[in-house]
Amino acid sequence: MKALVAVKRVIDYNVKARVKSDGSGIDLAGVKMSMNPFDEIAVEEAVKLKEAGVVTEVVAVSIGASACQETLRTAMAMGADRGVLVETGAELEPIHVARLLKTLVDKEQPQLIFLGKQAIDDDAGQTGQMLAAMLRLPQATFASKVTVADGKAQVTRELDGGLQTLSLDLPAVVTVDLRLNSPRYVTLPNIMKAKKKPLETLDAATLGVDLAPRTRVLKVSEPKVRAGGVKVADVATLVAKLKNEAKVI
C-alpha cells in the first residue's frame, strides 16, 4: 500500500509575519521557513502506518519554488521514502494545488492521500476537499485518529459538537488535525540519510494545469492594535466606562 503526503513550505510558526510597506503581501525576505505544522502531522501518520506494516511506501510531494526541496528532505528525514517536487514560481491558490496534486495521484496511484487540514499561511483549508472531489474519492477531514485494515480506513473526525467516526473505502483522502499525533524529532543521522533518498523534480508547466489566478489580493494589513485592559474600583465606574468609552451599553 502506498501513501502520498502533500507538504507545504510556509513561514515558521515561531516567526511573526511582517507586512510589506506597500501592503501588497507578506515580506518573506530573510524569514525562516519550515514545513506546515499540519503537514508534519500528516507525514508522521503515514510513517507510523509504514512502521506498523500497513503502508509499504511513503511519497512526499510539494509544489512551489526549488527551495521546497528542503521541505521534502525534512519529510524524508522523518521517514518518507522519496520526494516529488512540482516546481513553479506561480502564485498558487487551493484550486491550482488540488489540480497539480491530482496529476501526481493519477501517476502514483496511492491508496492513501494525506494532507494537513490547512496551511498556516493562508488558512484556506480547501485543498483536500477539492482534491477528493476531483478524484471522486471518499474523504475524511479534521482527522484525530486513523486506523487502516482490510482495505478500509476508519477515521475519527473532530467536529464542533464532538467526534464523528467514518469508514472509508480505499483509496481515500484524509486531512489531519492537530491531535492526531506528535511529529517526531528529526535527528542528524536521518537528515544525512535523507540526502541520499530520491527526489524527483517536475516542471508544473508540463503537467497541463491552468495556473491562471482566480483571485487578486487588494491589500494586506496588520491587525489593529488592541488597547490594554484597565482595573476599575467599583461597579459604578465599570458601568460608566462601558457606557461612555466602550459605548456597548
Protein backbone atom coordinates (compact mmCIF):
# COMPACT_ATOMS: atom_id res chain seq x y z
CA MET A 1 0.00 0.00 0.00
CA LYS A 2 1.35 3.40 -0.99
CA ALA A 3 0.70 6.65 0.90
CA LEU A 4 1.15 10.06 -0.69
CA VAL A 5 1.61 13.06 1.61
CA ALA A 6 1.40 16.68 0.47
CA VAL A 7 3.70 19.11 2.30
CA LYS A 8 3.90 22.89 2.03
CA ARG A 9 6.75 25.30 2.76
CA VAL A 10 5.49 28.16 4.94
CA ILE A 11 6.81 30.79 7.33
CA ASP A 12 7.91 29.07 10.52
CA TYR A 13 5.15 29.18 13.12
CA ASN A 14 7.50 30.83 15.63
CA VAL A 15 8.12 33.81 13.32
CA LYS A 16 5.93 36.91 13.41
CA ALA A 17 4.92 37.70 9.84
CA ARG A 18 5.70 41.22 8.56
CA VAL A 19 3.54 43.04 6.04
CA LYS A 20 5.29 44.72 3.11
CA SER A 21 5.38 48.51 3.27
CA ASP A 22 3.18 48.79 0.18
CA GLY A 23 0.56 46.41 1.61
CA SER A 24 0.90 44.01 -1.32
CA GLY A 25 1.66 40.93 0.77
CA ILE A 26 3.87 39.34 3.41
CA ASP A 27 7.59 40.13 3.47
CA LEU A 28 9.49 36.84 3.09
CA ALA A 29 13.00 38.35 2.86
CA GLY A 30 15.29 36.69 5.38
CA VAL A 31 12.40 34.88 7.07
CA LYS A 32 12.84 31.35 8.42
CA MET A 33 10.71 28.86 6.50
CA SER A 34 9.66 25.36 7.54
CA MET A 35 7.12 22.63 6.85
CA ASN A 36 3.49 23.49 7.57
CA PRO A 37 2.81 22.04 11.06
CA PHE A 38 -0.34 20.17 9.98
CA ASP A 39 1.63 18.61 7.11
CA GLU A 40 4.24 17.42 9.62
CA ILE A 41 1.44 15.56 11.38
CA ALA A 42 0.35 14.06 8.06
CA VAL A 43 3.90 12.82 7.36
CA GLU A 44 4.17 11.38 10.86
CA GLU A 45 0.92 9.46 10.45
CA ALA A 46 1.98 7.99 7.12
CA VAL A 47 5.36 6.97 8.55
CA LYS A 48 3.68 5.38 11.61
CA LEU A 49 1.47 3.33 9.29
CA LYS A 50 4.57 2.22 7.42
CA GLU A 51 6.29 1.24 10.66
CA ALA A 52 3.17 -0.75 11.58
CA GLY A 53 3.43 -2.70 8.32
CA VAL A 54 0.23 -1.24 6.86
CA VAL A 55 1.91 1.06 4.32
CA THR A 56 4.83 -0.11 2.19
CA GLU A 57 5.92 3.24 0.69
CA VAL A 58 5.53 6.88 1.69
CA VAL A 59 5.88 9.51 -1.03
CA ALA A 60 6.15 13.17 -0.01
CA VAL A 61 5.13 15.78 -2.58
CA SER A 62 5.42 19.55 -2.60
CA ILE A 63 4.54 22.30 -5.05
CA GLY A 64 6.40 25.58 -5.35
CA ALA A 65 9.88 27.03 -5.78
CA SER A 66 13.07 24.97 -5.79
CA ALA A 67 13.53 25.85 -2.09
CA CYS A 68 10.71 23.38 -1.36
CA GLN A 69 13.32 20.63 -1.78
CA GLU A 70 14.40 21.47 1.75
CA THR A 71 10.87 20.76 2.99
CA LEU A 72 10.83 17.45 1.13
CA ARG A 73 14.20 16.49 2.63
CA THR A 74 12.70 17.13 6.07
CA ALA A 75 9.80 14.81 5.22
CA MET A 76 12.26 12.15 4.07
CA ALA A 77 14.29 12.59 7.25
CA MET A 78 11.07 11.88 9.16
CA GLY A 79 10.68 8.62 7.26
CA ALA A 80 9.25 9.27 3.79
CA ASP A 81 10.88 7.04 1.16
CA ARG A 82 11.13 9.58 -1.66
CA GLY A 83 10.06 13.04 -2.68
CA VAL A 84 8.45 14.69 -5.69
CA LEU A 85 8.65 18.45 -6.29
CA VAL A 86 6.38 20.15 -8.79
CA GLU A 87 8.40 23.29 -9.43
CA THR A 88 6.68 26.56 -10.25
CA GLY A 89 7.09 30.23 -9.48
CA ALA A 90 3.40 30.98 -9.88
CA GLU A 91 1.24 32.27 -7.02
CA LEU A 92 -0.82 29.20 -6.25
CA GLU A 93 -4.38 29.01 -4.95
CA PRO A 94 -6.00 25.88 -3.46
CA ILE A 95 -7.66 25.05 -6.78
CA HIS A 96 -4.27 25.05 -8.53
CA VAL A 97 -2.64 22.90 -5.84
CA ALA A 98 -5.51 20.40 -5.96
CA ARG A 99 -5.26 20.08 -9.75
CA LEU A 100 -1.50 19.60 -9.65
CA LEU A 101 -1.84 17.03 -6.87
CA LYS A 102 -4.43 15.19 -8.95
CA THR A 103 -1.89 14.72 -11.74
CA LEU A 104 0.53 13.20 -9.21
CA VAL A 105 -2.13 10.94 -7.71
CA ASP A 106 -3.08 9.74 -11.20
CA LYS A 107 0.59 8.91 -11.79
CA GLU A 108 1.47 7.38 -8.41
CA GLN A 109 -1.86 5.61 -7.70
CA PRO A 110 -1.60 5.75 -3.87
CA GLN A 111 -4.23 4.12 -1.67
CA LEU A 112 -3.98 6.84 0.99
CA ILE A 113 -3.58 10.57 0.35
CA PHE A 114 -2.72 12.62 3.45
CA LEU A 115 -2.82 16.40 3.73
CA GLY A 116 -2.80 18.84 6.61
CA LYS A 117 -6.27 20.22 7.28
CA GLN A 118 -4.98 23.72 6.44
CA ALA A 119 -1.81 25.71 5.87
CA ILE A 120 -0.90 28.31 8.47
CA ASP A 121 -0.09 30.96 5.88
CA ASP A 122 -3.40 31.32 4.03
CA ASP A 123 -5.64 29.24 6.37
CA ALA A 124 -7.77 28.30 3.35
CA GLY A 125 -8.40 24.68 4.37
CA GLN A 126 -9.75 23.79 0.93
CA THR A 127 -7.16 21.73 -0.93
CA GLY A 128 -8.00 18.30 0.50
CA GLN A 129 -11.70 18.67 -0.18
CA MET A 130 -11.12 19.91 -3.74
CA LEU A 131 -8.68 17.08 -4.44
CA ALA A 132 -11.13 14.43 -3.22
CA ALA A 133 -13.86 15.88 -5.43
CA MET A 134 -11.60 15.92 -8.50
CA LEU A 135 -10.51 12.33 -7.87
CA ARG A 136 -14.06 11.23 -6.98
CA LEU A 137 -12.70 9.56 -3.85
CA PRO A 138 -14.13 9.34 -0.32
CA GLN A 139 -12.70 11.88 2.10
CA ALA A 140 -12.41 12.45 5.84
CA THR A 141 -11.34 15.85 7.12
CA PHE A 142 -10.01 17.05 10.51
CA ALA A 143 -8.85 13.54 11.42
CA SER A 144 -7.83 12.94 15.03
CA LYS A 145 -7.46 9.15 14.69
CA VAL A 146 -6.78 6.91 11.69
CA THR A 147 -6.76 3.10 11.53
CA VAL A 148 -6.37 1.09 8.33
CA ALA A 149 -7.35 -2.56 7.84
CA ASP A 150 -8.98 -4.82 5.26
CA GLY A 151 -8.99 -2.21 2.51
CA LYS A 152 -10.76 0.39 4.64
CA ALA A 153 -9.72 3.39 6.71
CA GLN A 154 -11.59 4.20 9.90
CA VAL A 155 -11.21 7.89 10.68
CA THR A 156 -12.35 9.81 13.75
CA ARG A 157 -13.09 13.44 12.94
CA GLU A 158 -13.21 16.43 15.27
CA LEU A 159 -16.42 18.43 14.97
CA ASP A 160 -17.71 21.45 16.87
CA GLY A 161 -20.19 19.24 18.69
CA GLY A 162 -17.96 16.22 19.35
CA LEU A 163 -16.40 13.35 17.41
CA GLN A 164 -17.58 11.55 14.28
CA THR A 165 -16.19 8.20 13.09
CA LEU A 166 -16.27 7.32 9.39
CA SER A 167 -15.37 4.17 7.49
CA LEU A 168 -13.84 4.87 4.07
CA ASP A 169 -13.18 2.50 1.19
CA LEU A 170 -9.63 2.91 -0.10
CA PRO A 171 -8.25 4.79 -1.93
CA ALA A 172 -9.27 7.85 0.09
CA VAL A 173 -8.23 11.38 1.00
CA VAL A 174 -7.62 12.27 4.66
CA THR A 175 -6.82 15.72 6.05
CA VAL A 176 -5.31 15.63 9.53
CA ASP A 177 -5.94 17.70 12.64
CA LEU A 178 -3.69 18.79 15.49
CA ARG A 179 -4.42 15.95 17.92
CA LEU A 180 -3.75 13.05 15.56
CA ASN A 181 -0.14 12.63 16.72
CA SER A 182 3.05 14.41 17.79
CA PRO A 183 5.60 14.57 14.95
CA ARG A 184 8.97 13.02 15.77
CA TYR A 185 12.16 14.99 16.22
CA VAL A 186 14.34 14.81 13.13
CA THR A 187 17.79 13.51 14.09
CA LEU A 188 21.07 14.36 12.35
CA PRO A 189 21.67 10.76 11.12
CA ASN A 190 18.23 10.74 9.49
CA ILE A 191 18.92 14.14 7.91
CA MET A 192 22.07 12.70 6.37
CA LYS A 193 20.20 9.59 5.15
CA ALA A 194 17.51 11.80 3.59
CA LYS A 195 20.12 13.42 1.33
CA LYS A 196 20.58 10.07 -0.40
CA LYS A 197 16.88 9.38 -0.95
CA PRO A 198 15.47 10.03 -4.44
CA LEU A 199 13.87 13.40 -5.13
CA GLU A 200 12.16 13.88 -8.48
CA THR A 201 11.56 17.37 -9.88
CA LEU A 202 8.76 18.07 -12.35
CA ASP A 203 8.01 21.29 -14.19
CA ALA A 204 4.45 22.40 -13.45
CA ALA A 205 4.19 23.83 -16.97
CA THR A 206 4.44 20.30 -18.40
CA LEU A 207 1.51 18.90 -16.42
CA GLY A 208 -1.22 20.62 -18.40
CA VAL A 209 -2.76 22.51 -15.48
CA ASP A 210 -4.06 26.06 -15.90
CA LEU A 211 -2.36 28.16 -13.21
CA ALA A 212 -4.04 31.45 -14.12
CA PRO A 213 -5.03 33.33 -10.92
CA ARG A 214 -8.70 33.27 -9.89
CA THR A 215 -8.42 35.88 -7.16
CA ARG A 216 -6.48 39.11 -6.67
CA VAL A 217 -5.11 40.44 -3.39
CA LEU A 218 -6.25 44.03 -2.93
CA LYS A 219 -4.49 44.79 0.33
CA VAL A 220 -2.68 43.13 3.22
CA SER A 221 -2.55 44.94 6.57
CA GLU A 222 -1.57 44.32 10.17
CA PRO A 223 -4.42 43.64 12.61
CA LYS A 224 -5.43 46.63 14.67
CA VAL A 225 -3.58 47.01 17.93
CA ARG A 226 -5.87 46.28 20.85
CA ALA A 227 -5.90 48.65 23.78
CA GLY A 228 -4.77 47.27 27.11
CA GLY A 229 -7.27 46.44 29.84
CA VAL A 230 -7.72 48.53 32.98
CA LYS A 231 -8.85 47.81 36.51
CA VAL A 232 -11.80 49.72 37.95
CA ALA A 233 -12.52 50.48 41.57
CA ASP A 234 -16.23 49.67 41.62
CA VAL A 235 -19.27 48.67 39.58
CA ALA A 236 -20.34 52.28 39.03
CA THR A 237 -17.03 53.10 37.34
CA LEU A 238 -17.29 49.95 35.23
CA VAL A 239 -20.77 50.87 34.04
CA ALA A 240 -19.65 54.42 33.25
CA LYS A 241 -16.72 53.20 31.14
CA LEU A 242 -18.88 50.68 29.29
CA LYS A 243 -21.38 53.42 28.53
CA ASN A 244 -19.17 56.40 27.78
CA GLU A 245 -15.93 54.89 26.48
CA ALA A 246 -16.69 51.45 25.07
CA LYS A 247 -20.24 52.53 24.15
CA VAL A 248 -21.57 48.99 24.46
CA ILE A 249 -24.48 49.86 26.74
